[in-house]
């Protein structure tokens, strides 16, 4: 996997530079996700696995499916990946591109685990607090994890804030054991 990420990095950086130069960060994000979704489709995967398919066949198939959803530069990227047998790195290109975009736009991702579903108001308040704390725009993804018993945990990068009942119980158990 590390090898695929290494191969994908220059492509992602080139795409990001082009998108930034043309002020098309959102458009490129949309196009990359679309192409990755097309390539991940089960029927497309079956066609791509066909040993009688040539690179030309793959190119025609994918460009035909993508149609006008891709601009000229995105079509060129897709052709380049196909001709260089690099189509497998596409998901990594998308991930690396998004990381570069988020860094550029001063956005960080927060993984929030909650014992119960959060209302829109609760989530907005949490995001506002996290934005004040980090000084960056926060994009939160919330998962309900009933094992927490109550409260939430928030992970941003390597930082983990544990405000869950499960975390407090574990801390108490560790303190009693020592």
C-alpha atoms as a PDB file:
ATOM      1  CA  UNK A   1       0.000   0.000   0.000  1.00  0.00           C
ATOM      2  CA  UNK A   2       2.798   2.443   0.853  1.00  0.00           C
ATOM      3  CA  UNK A   3       4.152   1.883  -2.634  1.00  0.00           C
ATOM      4  CA  UNK A   4       0.837   2.912  -4.228  1.00  0.00           C
ATOM      5  CA  UNK A   5       0.755   6.071  -2.119  1.00  0.00           C
ATOM      6  CA  UNK A   6       4.312   6.872  -3.196  1.00  0.00           C
ATOM      7  CA  UNK A   7       3.345   6.433  -6.842  1.00  0.00           C
ATOM      8  CA  UNK A   8       0.169   8.499  -6.378  1.00  0.00           C
ATOM      9  CA  UNK A   9       1.839  11.459  -4.632  1.00  0.00           C
ATOM     10  CA  UNK A  10       3.339  13.178  -7.724  1.00  0.00           C
ATOM     11  CA  UNK A  11       0.047  12.837  -9.594  1.00  0.00           C
ATOM     12  CA  UNK A  12      -1.891  14.335  -6.681  1.00  0.00           C
ATOM     13  CA  UNK A  13       0.582  17.194  -6.323  1.00  0.00           C
ATOM     14  CA  UNK A  14       0.438  17.945 -10.047  1.00  0.00           C
ATOM     15  CA  UNK A  15      -3.359  17.881 -10.058  1.00  0.00           C
ATOM     16  CA  UNK A  16      -3.481  20.095  -6.967  1.00  0.00           C
ATOM     17  CA  UNK A  17      -1.067  22.602  -8.522  1.00  0.00           C
ATOM     18  CA  UNK A  18      -3.133  22.734 -11.701  1.00  0.00           C
ATOM     19  CA  UNK A  19      -6.407  23.071  -9.787  1.00  0.00           C
ATOM     20  CA  UNK A  20      -4.960  25.801  -7.591  1.00  0.00           C
ATOM     21  CA  UNK A  21      -3.539  27.659 -10.589  1.00  0.00           C
ATOM     22  CA  UNK A  22      -6.932  27.566 -12.322  1.00  0.00           C
ATOM     23  CA  UNK A  23      -8.906  28.245  -9.093  1.00  0.00           C
ATOM     24  CA  UNK A  24     -10.738  24.941  -9.601  1.00  0.00           C
ATOM     25  CA  UNK A  25     -10.114  23.127  -6.317  1.00  0.00           C
ATOM     26  CA  UNK A  26     -13.751  22.133  -5.817  1.00  0.00           C
ATOM     27  CA  UNK A  27     -14.245  21.134  -9.461  1.00  0.00           C
ATOM     28  CA  UNK A  28     -11.191  18.878  -9.394  1.00  0.00           C
ATOM     29  CA  UNK A  29     -12.325  17.346  -6.150  1.00  0.00           C
ATOM     30  CA  UNK A  30     -15.659  16.524  -7.756  1.00  0.00           C
ATOM     31  CA  UNK A  31     -14.074  15.134 -10.943  1.00  0.00           C
ATOM     32  CA  UNK A  32     -11.577  12.967  -9.055  1.00  0.00           C
ATOM     33  CA  UNK A  33     -14.268  11.501  -6.823  1.00  0.00           C
ATOM     34  CA  UNK A  34     -16.474  10.828  -9.839  1.00  0.00           C
ATOM     35  CA  UNK A  35     -13.731   8.991 -11.758  1.00  0.00           C
ATOM     36  CA  UNK A  36     -12.770   7.001  -8.664  1.00  0.00           C
ATOM     37  CA  UNK A  37     -16.423   6.013  -8.145  1.00  0.00           C
ATOM     38  CA  UNK A  38     -16.726   4.952 -11.785  1.00  0.00           C
ATOM     39  CA  UNK A  39     -13.571   2.831 -11.527  1.00  0.00           C
ATOM     40  CA  UNK A  40     -14.772   1.251  -8.272  1.00  0.00           C
ATOM     41  CA  UNK A  41     -18.120   0.222  -9.776  1.00  0.00           C
ATOM     42  CA  UNK A  42     -18.573  -3.547  -9.816  1.00  0.00           C
ATOM     43  CA  UNK A  43     -19.449  -3.817 -13.501  1.00  0.00           C
ATOM     44  CA  UNK A  44     -16.544  -1.580 -14.488  1.00  0.00           C
ATOM     45  CA  UNK A  45     -14.223  -3.698 -12.312  1.00  0.00           C
ATOM     46  CA  UNK A  46     -15.408  -6.822 -14.157  1.00  0.00           C
ATOM     47  CA  UNK A  47     -14.700  -5.186 -17.495  1.00  0.00           C
ATOM     48  CA  UNK A  48     -11.270  -3.971 -16.375  1.00  0.00           C
ATOM     49  CA  UNK A  49     -10.386  -7.477 -15.170  1.00  0.00           C
ATOM     50  CA  UNK A  50     -11.104  -8.905 -18.626  1.00  0.00           C
ATOM     51  CA  UNK A  51      -7.704 -10.031 -19.970  1.00  0.00           C
ATOM     52  CA  UNK A  52      -8.754  -9.390 -23.564  1.00  0.00           C
ATOM     53  CA  UNK A  53      -9.310  -5.686 -22.817  1.00  0.00           C
ATOM     54  CA  UNK A  54      -6.530  -3.538 -24.233  1.00  0.00           C
ATOM     55  CA  UNK A  55      -5.486  -0.175 -22.824  1.00  0.00           C
ATOM     56  CA  UNK A  56      -7.377   1.367 -25.728  1.00  0.00           C
ATOM     57  CA  UNK A  57     -10.511  -0.534 -24.729  1.00  0.00           C
ATOM     58  CA  UNK A  58     -10.151   0.607 -21.113  1.00  0.00           C
ATOM     59  CA  UNK A  59      -9.590   4.190 -22.256  1.00  0.00           C
ATOM     60  CA  UNK A  60     -12.668   4.134 -24.508  1.00  0.00           C
ATOM     61  CA  UNK A  61     -14.806   2.533 -21.808  1.00  0.00           C
ATOM     62  CA  UNK A  62     -13.886   4.947 -19.030  1.00  0.00           C
ATOM     63  CA  UNK A  63     -13.925   8.080 -21.176  1.00  0.00           C
ATOM     64  CA  UNK A  64     -17.263   6.986 -22.579  1.00  0.00           C
ATOM     65  CA  UNK A  65     -18.744   6.517 -19.127  1.00  0.00           C
ATOM     66  CA  UNK A  66     -17.310   9.765 -17.769  1.00  0.00           C
ATOM     67  CA  UNK A  67     -18.395  11.781 -20.788  1.00  0.00           C
ATOM     68  CA  UNK A  68     -18.666  15.502 -20.227  1.00  0.00           C
ATOM     69  CA  UNK A  69     -18.313  15.221 -16.448  1.00  0.00           C
ATOM     70  CA  UNK A  70     -14.550  15.573 -16.970  1.00  0.00           C
ATOM     71  CA  UNK A  71     -12.795  18.545 -18.490  1.00  0.00           C
ATOM     72  CA  UNK A  72      -9.877  18.153 -20.891  1.00  0.00           C
ATOM     73  CA  UNK A  73      -7.210  18.070 -18.196  1.00  0.00           C
ATOM     74  CA  UNK A  74      -9.062  15.449 -16.155  1.00  0.00           C
ATOM     75  CA  UNK A  75      -9.534  13.338 -19.278  1.00  0.00           C
ATOM     76  CA  UNK A  76      -5.793  13.652 -19.927  1.00  0.00           C
ATOM     77  CA  UNK A  77      -5.043  12.500 -16.376  1.00  0.00           C
ATOM     78  CA  UNK A  78      -7.287   9.467 -16.813  1.00  0.00           C
ATOM     79  CA  UNK A  79      -5.619   8.574 -20.131  1.00  0.00           C
ATOM     80  CA  UNK A  80      -2.178   9.006 -18.560  1.00  0.00           C
ATOM     81  CA  UNK A  81      -3.085   6.689 -15.671  1.00  0.00           C
ATOM     82  CA  UNK A  82      -4.449   4.057 -18.051  1.00  0.00           C
ATOM     83  CA  UNK A  83      -1.485   4.158 -20.431  1.00  0.00           C
ATOM     84  CA  UNK A  84       1.020   3.944 -17.579  1.00  0.00           C
ATOM     85  CA  UNK A  85      -0.842   1.116 -15.796  1.00  0.00           C
ATOM     86  CA  UNK A  86      -1.487   3.423 -12.850  1.00  0.00           C
ATOM     87  CA  UNK A  87      -5.280   3.208 -12.602  1.00  0.00           C
ATOM     88  CA  UNK A  88      -4.927   1.351  -9.285  1.00  0.00           C
ATOM     89  CA  UNK A  89      -3.452   4.462  -7.642  1.00  0.00           C
ATOM     90  CA  UNK A  90      -6.524   6.584  -8.387  1.00  0.00           C
ATOM     91  CA  UNK A  91      -8.093   6.212  -4.904  1.00  0.00           C
ATOM     92  CA  UNK A  92      -4.773   7.282  -3.375  1.00  0.00           C
ATOM     93  CA  UNK A  93      -4.574  10.274  -5.714  1.00  0.00           C
ATOM     94  CA  UNK A  94      -8.033  11.317  -4.517  1.00  0.00           C
ATOM     95  CA  UNK A  95      -7.053  10.974  -0.841  1.00  0.00           C
ATOM     96  CA  UNK A  96      -3.771  12.857  -1.270  1.00  0.00           C
ATOM     97  CA  UNK A  97      -5.448  15.588  -3.326  1.00  0.00           C
ATOM     98  CA  UNK A  98      -8.109  16.052  -0.642  1.00  0.00           C
ATOM     99  CA  UNK A  99      -5.422  16.262   2.046  1.00  0.00           C
ATOM    100  CA  UNK A 100      -3.586  18.957   0.058  1.00  0.00           C
ATOM    101  CA  UNK A 101      -6.846  20.820  -0.497  1.00  0.00           C
ATOM    102  CA  UNK A 102      -7.795  20.690   3.175  1.00  0.00           C
ATOM    103  CA  UNK A 103      -4.355  21.909   4.189  1.00  0.00           C
ATOM    104  CA  UNK A 104      -4.592  24.755   1.676  1.00  0.00           C
ATOM    105  CA  UNK A 105      -8.078  25.699   2.874  1.00  0.00           C
ATOM    106  CA  UNK A 106      -7.041  25.385   6.546  1.00  0.00           C
ATOM    107  CA  UNK A 107      -9.501  22.555   7.150  1.00  0.00           C
ATOM    108  CA  UNK A 108      -8.990  19.610   9.491  1.00  0.00           C
ATOM    109  CA  UNK A 109     -11.019  16.476   9.899  1.00  0.00           C
ATOM    110  CA  UNK A 110     -12.436  15.491  13.253  1.00  0.00           C
ATOM    111  CA  UNK A 111     -13.653  11.961  13.937  1.00  0.00           C
ATOM    112  CA  UNK A 112     -16.362  12.159  16.576  1.00  0.00           C
ATOM    113  CA  UNK A 113     -17.627   9.045  18.319  1.00  0.00           C
ATOM    114  CA  UNK A 114     -20.775   9.578  20.350  1.00  0.00           C
ATOM    115  CA  UNK A 115     -22.720   7.231  22.572  1.00  0.00           C
ATOM    116  CA  UNK A 116     -25.948   8.670  21.120  1.00  0.00           C
ATOM    117  CA  UNK A 117     -26.867  10.457  17.884  1.00  0.00           C
ATOM    118  CA  UNK A 118     -26.053  14.175  17.998  1.00  0.00           C
ATOM    119  CA  UNK A 119     -28.653  16.747  16.982  1.00  0.00           C
ATOM    120  CA  UNK A 120     -27.704  19.315  14.349  1.00  0.00           C
ATOM    121  CA  UNK A 121     -27.528  21.938  17.094  1.00  0.00           C
ATOM    122  CA  UNK A 122     -25.232  19.799  19.264  1.00  0.00           C
ATOM    123  CA  UNK A 123     -22.953  19.055  16.315  1.00  0.00           C
ATOM    124  CA  UNK A 124     -22.814  22.731  15.325  1.00  0.00           C
ATOM    125  CA  UNK A 125     -21.861  23.680  18.880  1.00  0.00           C
ATOM    126  CA  UNK A 126     -19.183  20.990  19.018  1.00  0.00           C
ATOM    127  CA  UNK A 127     -17.733  22.061  15.661  1.00  0.00           C
ATOM    128  CA  UNK A 128     -17.693  25.715  16.771  1.00  0.00           C
ATOM    129  CA  UNK A 129     -15.813  24.751  19.964  1.00  0.00           C
ATOM    130  CA  UNK A 130     -13.328  22.655  18.006  1.00  0.00           C
ATOM    131  CA  UNK A 131     -12.775  25.483  15.529  1.00  0.00           C
ATOM    132  CA  UNK A 132     -12.059  27.899  18.392  1.00  0.00           C
ATOM    133  CA  UNK A 133      -9.709  25.383  19.991  1.00  0.00           C
ATOM    134  CA  UNK A 134      -7.777  24.531  16.813  1.00  0.00           C
ATOM    135  CA  UNK A 135      -7.981  27.829  14.949  1.00  0.00           C
ATOM    136  CA  UNK A 136      -8.979  25.933  11.810  1.00  0.00           C
ATOM    137  CA  UNK A 137     -12.171  25.026  10.002  1.00  0.00           C
ATOM    138  CA  UNK A 138     -13.350  21.610  11.206  1.00  0.00           C
ATOM    139  CA  UNK A 139     -15.034  18.981   9.063  1.00  0.00           C
ATOM    140  CA  UNK A 140     -16.600  16.495  11.480  1.00  0.00           C
ATOM    141  CA  UNK A 141     -17.735  12.948  10.837  1.00  0.00           C
ATOM    142  CA  UNK A 142     -19.886  11.432  13.567  1.00  0.00           C
ATOM    143  CA  UNK A 143     -20.245   7.756  14.412  1.00  0.00           C
ATOM    144  CA  UNK A 144     -22.543   6.343  17.065  1.00  0.00           C
ATOM    145  CA  UNK A 145     -20.577   3.976  19.315  1.00  0.00           C
ATOM    146  CA  UNK A 146     -22.804   2.602  22.063  1.00  0.00           C
ATOM    147  CA  UNK A 147     -19.797   1.078  23.899  1.00  0.00           C
ATOM    148  CA  UNK A 148     -18.952   4.610  25.080  1.00  0.00           C
ATOM    149  CA  UNK A 149     -21.992   4.404  27.417  1.00  0.00           C
ATOM    150  CA  UNK A 150     -22.299   8.204  27.420  1.00  0.00           C
ATOM    151  CA  UNK A 151     -20.429  11.272  26.157  1.00  0.00           C
ATOM    152  CA  UNK A 152     -18.137  11.593  23.138  1.00  0.00           C
ATOM    153  CA  UNK A 153     -14.582  11.156  21.943  1.00  0.00           C
ATOM    154  CA  UNK A 154     -13.012  13.457  19.374  1.00  0.00           C
ATOM    155  CA  UNK A 155      -9.942  12.591  17.323  1.00  0.00           C
ATOM    156  CA  UNK A 156      -8.147  15.217  15.260  1.00  0.00           C
ATOM    157  CA  UNK A 157      -4.930  13.913  13.790  1.00  0.00           C
ATOM    158  CA  UNK A 158      -2.966  12.361  16.644  1.00  0.00           C
ATOM    159  CA  UNK A 159      -4.924  14.209  19.345  1.00  0.00           C
ATOM    160  CA  UNK A 160      -7.708  12.368  21.130  1.00  0.00           C
ATOM    161  CA  UNK A 161     -10.091  14.035  23.562  1.00  0.00           C
ATOM    162  CA  UNK A 162     -12.059  11.483  25.543  1.00  0.00           C
ATOM    163  CA  UNK A 163     -15.153  12.783  27.296  1.00  0.00           C
ATOM    164  CA  UNK A 164     -16.896   9.441  27.379  1.00  0.00           C
ATOM    165  CA  UNK A 165     -18.182   7.500  30.349  1.00  0.00           C
ATOM    166  CA  UNK A 166     -16.227   4.468  29.081  1.00  0.00           C
ATOM    167  CA  UNK A 167     -13.018   6.547  29.138  1.00  0.00           C
ATOM    168  CA  UNK A 168     -13.708   7.739  32.679  1.00  0.00           C
ATOM    169  CA  UNK A 169     -14.403   4.184  33.827  1.00  0.00           C
ATOM    170  CA  UNK A 170     -11.204   2.933  32.189  1.00  0.00           C
ATOM    171  CA  UNK A 171      -9.252   5.761  33.864  1.00  0.00           C
ATOM    172  CA  UNK A 172     -10.759   4.946  37.200  1.00  0.00           C
ATOM    173  CA  UNK A 173      -9.970   1.244  36.791  1.00  0.00           C
ATOM    174  CA  UNK A 174      -6.347   2.088  35.908  1.00  0.00           C
ATOM    175  CA  UNK A 175      -6.046   4.377  38.939  1.00  0.00           C
ATOM    176  CA  UNK A 176      -7.451   1.719  41.268  1.00  0.00           C
ATOM    177  CA  UNK A 177      -5.097  -0.922  39.819  1.00  0.00           C
ATOM    178  CA  UNK A 178      -2.013   1.177  40.612  1.00  0.00           C
END
